[in-house]
């Protein structure tokens, strides 16, 4: 996800995507431990998406 795309999404949708990404990250971590995950870089991408979404949500809080 790109920052420009994230800024266009509503807060409610961002919160839903944030929970989805966090659950996806949790699943990836379990898959790495059990050696089922082949693409370890996917974890990095999900972490960055979580950080981007969190940043946009926090900026929206500070503006209010």
Protein backbone atom coordinates (compact mmCIF):
# COMPACT_ATOMS: atom_id res chain seq x y z
CA UNK A 1 0.00 0.00 0.00
CA UNK A 2 1.15 3.49 -0.80
CA UNK A 3 0.70 6.54 1.44
CA UNK A 4 -1.41 8.24 -1.23
CA UNK A 5 -3.79 5.28 -1.29
CA UNK A 6 -4.01 5.15 2.49
CA UNK A 7 -4.88 8.85 2.78
CA UNK A 8 -7.90 8.36 0.52
CA UNK A 9 -9.40 5.65 2.72
CA UNK A 10 -11.85 6.46 5.52
CA UNK A 11 -10.85 6.08 9.18
CA UNK A 12 -13.26 3.20 9.72
CA UNK A 13 -11.80 1.30 6.78
CA UNK A 14 -8.25 2.05 7.98
CA UNK A 15 -9.02 0.59 11.40
CA UNK A 16 -10.40 -2.55 9.77
CA UNK A 17 -7.34 -2.90 7.56
CA UNK A 18 -5.07 -2.35 10.55
CA UNK A 19 -6.64 -5.25 12.43
CA UNK A 20 -6.44 -7.41 9.30
CA UNK A 21 -2.75 -6.62 8.84
CA UNK A 22 -2.00 -7.33 12.49
CA UNK A 23 -3.70 -10.71 12.32
CA UNK A 24 -1.86 -11.44 9.07
CA UNK A 25 1.45 -10.56 10.76
CA UNK A 26 0.63 -12.87 13.66
CA UNK A 27 -0.12 -15.70 11.22
CA UNK A 28 3.14 -15.06 9.36
CA UNK A 29 5.14 -15.23 12.57
CA UNK A 30 3.63 -18.61 13.42
CA UNK A 31 4.29 -19.82 9.88
CA UNK A 32 7.95 -18.79 10.13
CA UNK A 33 8.36 -20.68 13.38
CA UNK A 34 6.80 -23.80 11.91
CA UNK A 35 8.80 -23.36 8.66
CA UNK A 36 5.69 -23.06 6.46
CA UNK A 37 6.41 -19.55 5.20
CA UNK A 38 8.69 -19.43 2.17
CA UNK A 39 8.66 -15.66 1.56
CA UNK A 40 9.99 -14.07 4.73
CA UNK A 41 10.01 -10.63 3.10
CA UNK A 42 6.21 -10.64 3.29
CA UNK A 43 6.57 -9.97 7.02
CA UNK A 44 8.54 -6.79 6.29
CA UNK A 45 5.88 -5.57 3.87
CA UNK A 46 3.06 -6.17 6.35
CA UNK A 47 4.99 -4.40 9.12
CA UNK A 48 5.51 -1.37 6.90
CA UNK A 49 1.83 -1.30 5.98
CA UNK A 50 0.92 -1.41 9.67
CA UNK A 51 3.28 1.49 10.37
CA UNK A 52 1.88 3.56 7.51
CA UNK A 53 -1.72 3.01 8.56
CA UNK A 54 -0.92 3.76 12.19
CA UNK A 55 0.85 6.96 11.21
CA UNK A 56 -2.13 8.23 9.21
CA UNK A 57 -4.54 7.38 12.03
CA UNK A 58 -2.36 9.14 14.60
CA UNK A 59 -2.07 12.24 12.42
CA UNK A 60 -5.86 12.33 12.11
CA UNK A 61 -6.17 12.20 15.91
CA UNK A 62 -3.77 15.10 16.39
CA UNK A 63 -5.58 17.27 13.87
CA UNK A 64 -8.82 17.04 15.80
